[in-house]
Every structure is written in C-alpha cells, then in structure tokens.
C-alpha cells in the first residue's frame, strides 16, 4: 500500500516539476524576446543619436 502511494507521489512530483519547468521556460522565452526587442530599440536609438551628431 505504502509503495503504491510513494509511486503515485513520485509521478505527481515529476508532473509538477515538468509543469514548473514548462512555465519557467515560457517565461524565459518571453523575457528573452522582451530583452532582445529592448536591446534592438536601444541600439536603434543609440545609432540615431550617433549619426545625428554634427
């Protein structure tokens, strides 16, 4: 009985771990895109400032 319960808990823990990993990965992807876009905007503004210098 206790062995079965432990096995079920392991499966549930693994499932929870996978769910958390998926969420973290999704957040990382979203944050990565935001950071990339922010850097792109920063560089565009920076280059405009650079080229607008007389």
N, C-alpha and C. Protein backbone atom coordinates (compact mmCIF):
# COMPACT_ATOMS: atom_id res chain seq x y z
N UNK A 1 0.84 -1.20 0.00
CA UNK A 1 0.00 0.00 0.00
C UNK A 1 0.87 1.26 0.00
N UNK A 2 1.82 1.30 0.92
CA UNK A 2 2.67 2.49 1.02
C UNK A 2 3.56 2.64 -0.21
N UNK A 3 3.99 1.49 -0.79
CA UNK A 3 4.81 1.53 -2.00
C UNK A 3 4.03 2.17 -3.15
N UNK A 4 2.78 1.77 -3.30
CA UNK A 4 1.91 2.31 -4.35
C UNK A 4 1.75 3.82 -4.17
N UNK A 5 1.55 4.22 -2.91
CA UNK A 5 1.36 5.64 -2.59
C UNK A 5 2.63 6.43 -2.94
N UNK A 6 3.80 5.86 -2.61
CA UNK A 6 5.08 6.51 -2.91
C UNK A 6 5.26 6.65 -4.41
N UNK A 7 4.88 5.60 -5.15
CA UNK A 7 5.00 5.64 -6.61
C UNK A 7 4.09 6.72 -7.18
N UNK A 8 2.89 6.83 -6.66
CA UNK A 8 1.96 7.86 -7.11
C UNK A 8 2.51 9.24 -6.82
N UNK A 9 3.10 9.39 -5.64
CA UNK A 9 3.66 10.69 -5.26
C UNK A 9 4.82 11.06 -6.20
N UNK A 10 5.67 10.08 -6.52
CA UNK A 10 6.78 10.33 -7.44
C UNK A 10 6.27 10.81 -8.79
N UNK A 11 5.21 10.14 -9.28
CA UNK A 11 4.63 10.53 -10.56
C UNK A 11 4.06 11.94 -10.49
N UNK A 12 3.40 12.24 -9.39
CA UNK A 12 2.81 13.57 -9.22
C UNK A 12 3.90 14.62 -9.10
N UNK A 13 4.95 14.32 -8.33
CA UNK A 13 6.07 15.25 -8.15
C UNK A 13 6.75 15.53 -9.49
N UNK A 14 6.93 14.47 -10.28
CA UNK A 14 7.54 14.61 -11.59
C UNK A 14 6.67 15.48 -12.50
N UNK A 15 5.35 15.22 -12.44
CA UNK A 15 4.41 16.01 -13.24
C UNK A 15 4.47 17.48 -12.85
N UNK A 16 4.50 17.74 -11.54
CA UNK A 16 4.58 19.12 -11.05
C UNK A 16 5.88 19.77 -11.50
N UNK A 17 6.96 19.02 -11.41
CA UNK A 17 8.28 19.51 -11.80
C UNK A 17 8.28 19.89 -13.28
N UNK A 18 7.70 19.02 -14.12
CA UNK A 18 7.63 19.27 -15.56
C UNK A 18 6.79 20.51 -15.84
N UNK A 19 5.69 20.65 -15.10
CA UNK A 19 4.82 21.82 -15.28
C UNK A 19 5.56 23.10 -14.94
N UNK A 20 6.27 23.07 -13.82
CA UNK A 20 7.05 24.25 -13.39
C UNK A 20 8.12 24.56 -14.42
N UNK A 21 8.79 23.51 -14.92
CA UNK A 21 9.85 23.70 -15.93
C UNK A 21 9.28 24.35 -17.19
N UNK A 22 8.08 23.89 -17.61
CA UNK A 22 7.45 24.45 -18.81
C UNK A 22 7.13 25.92 -18.61
N UNK A 23 6.60 26.26 -17.42
CA UNK A 23 6.26 27.65 -17.12
C UNK A 23 7.52 28.51 -17.11
N UNK A 24 8.56 28.01 -16.46
CA UNK A 24 9.83 28.75 -16.39
C UNK A 24 10.39 28.97 -17.79
N UNK A 25 10.29 27.92 -18.62
CA UNK A 25 10.81 28.04 -19.98
C UNK A 25 10.02 29.07 -20.77
N UNK A 26 8.69 29.06 -20.59
CA UNK A 26 7.84 30.03 -21.29
C UNK A 26 8.20 31.44 -20.85
N UNK A 27 8.41 31.63 -19.55
CA UNK A 27 8.77 32.95 -19.03
C UNK A 27 10.12 33.38 -19.60
N UNK A 28 11.07 32.45 -19.61
CA UNK A 28 12.40 32.76 -20.15
C UNK A 28 12.30 33.17 -21.62
N UNK A 29 11.48 32.47 -22.39
CA UNK A 29 11.32 32.79 -23.82
C UNK A 29 10.72 34.18 -23.97
N UNK A 30 9.67 34.46 -23.20
CA UNK A 30 9.01 35.77 -23.27
C UNK A 30 9.98 36.87 -22.84
N UNK A 31 10.66 36.64 -21.71
CA UNK A 31 11.62 37.63 -21.22
C UNK A 31 12.75 37.82 -22.22
N UNK A 32 13.20 36.71 -22.81
CA UNK A 32 14.27 36.78 -23.81
C UNK A 32 13.86 37.64 -24.99
N UNK A 33 12.62 37.49 -25.46
CA UNK A 33 12.12 38.28 -26.57
C UNK A 33 12.04 39.75 -26.18
N UNK A 34 11.54 40.01 -24.96
CA UNK A 34 11.43 41.39 -24.49
C UNK A 34 12.80 42.04 -24.41
N UNK A 35 13.77 41.29 -23.87
CA UNK A 35 15.13 41.81 -23.74
C UNK A 35 15.71 42.09 -25.12
N UNK A 36 15.49 41.15 -26.05
CA UNK A 36 16.01 41.30 -27.42
C UNK A 36 15.41 42.56 -28.07
N UNK A 37 14.10 42.73 -27.92
CA UNK A 37 13.44 43.89 -28.52
C UNK A 37 13.93 45.18 -27.87
N UNK A 38 14.12 45.16 -26.54
CA UNK A 38 14.60 46.34 -25.83
C UNK A 38 16.00 46.70 -26.31
N UNK A 39 16.86 45.68 -26.46
CA UNK A 39 18.21 45.93 -26.94
C UNK A 39 18.19 46.50 -28.35
N UNK A 40 17.30 45.95 -29.19
CA UNK A 40 17.19 46.42 -30.57
C UNK A 40 16.77 47.89 -30.58
N UNK A 41 15.76 48.23 -29.77
CA UNK A 41 15.29 49.61 -29.69
C UNK A 41 16.41 50.51 -29.18
N UNK A 42 17.13 50.02 -28.16
CA UNK A 42 18.23 50.80 -27.59
C UNK A 42 19.29 51.09 -28.64
N UNK A 43 19.65 50.05 -29.39
CA UNK A 43 20.68 50.23 -30.42
C UNK A 43 20.20 51.15 -31.54
N UNK A 44 18.92 51.06 -31.91
CA UNK A 44 18.38 51.94 -32.94
C UNK A 44 18.45 53.39 -32.47
N UNK A 45 18.03 53.63 -31.22
CA UNK A 45 18.08 54.98 -30.67
C UNK A 45 19.52 55.47 -30.57
N UNK A 46 20.40 54.55 -30.12
CA UNK A 46 21.81 54.90 -29.95
C UNK A 46 22.44 55.27 -31.29
N UNK A 47 22.15 54.48 -32.32
CA UNK A 47 22.74 54.77 -33.64
C UNK A 47 22.17 56.06 -34.21
N UNK A 48 20.89 56.34 -33.94
CA UNK A 48 20.30 57.60 -34.41
C UNK A 48 21.00 58.78 -33.73
N UNK A 49 21.22 58.65 -32.42
CA UNK A 49 21.92 59.70 -31.68
C UNK A 49 23.33 59.88 -32.24
N UNK A 50 23.97 58.76 -32.53
CA UNK A 50 25.34 58.75 -33.02
C UNK A 50 25.43 59.45 -34.37
N UNK A 51 24.48 59.10 -35.28
CA UNK A 51 24.54 59.66 -36.63
C UNK A 51 24.00 61.08 -36.69
N UNK A 52 23.21 61.48 -35.70
CA UNK A 52 22.67 62.84 -35.74
C UNK A 52 23.65 63.87 -35.18
N UNK A 53 24.78 63.36 -34.66
CA UNK A 53 25.82 64.28 -34.18
C UNK A 53 26.37 65.09 -35.36
N UNK A 54 26.51 66.37 -35.23
CA UNK A 54 27.02 67.19 -36.34
C UNK A 54 28.52 66.97 -36.60
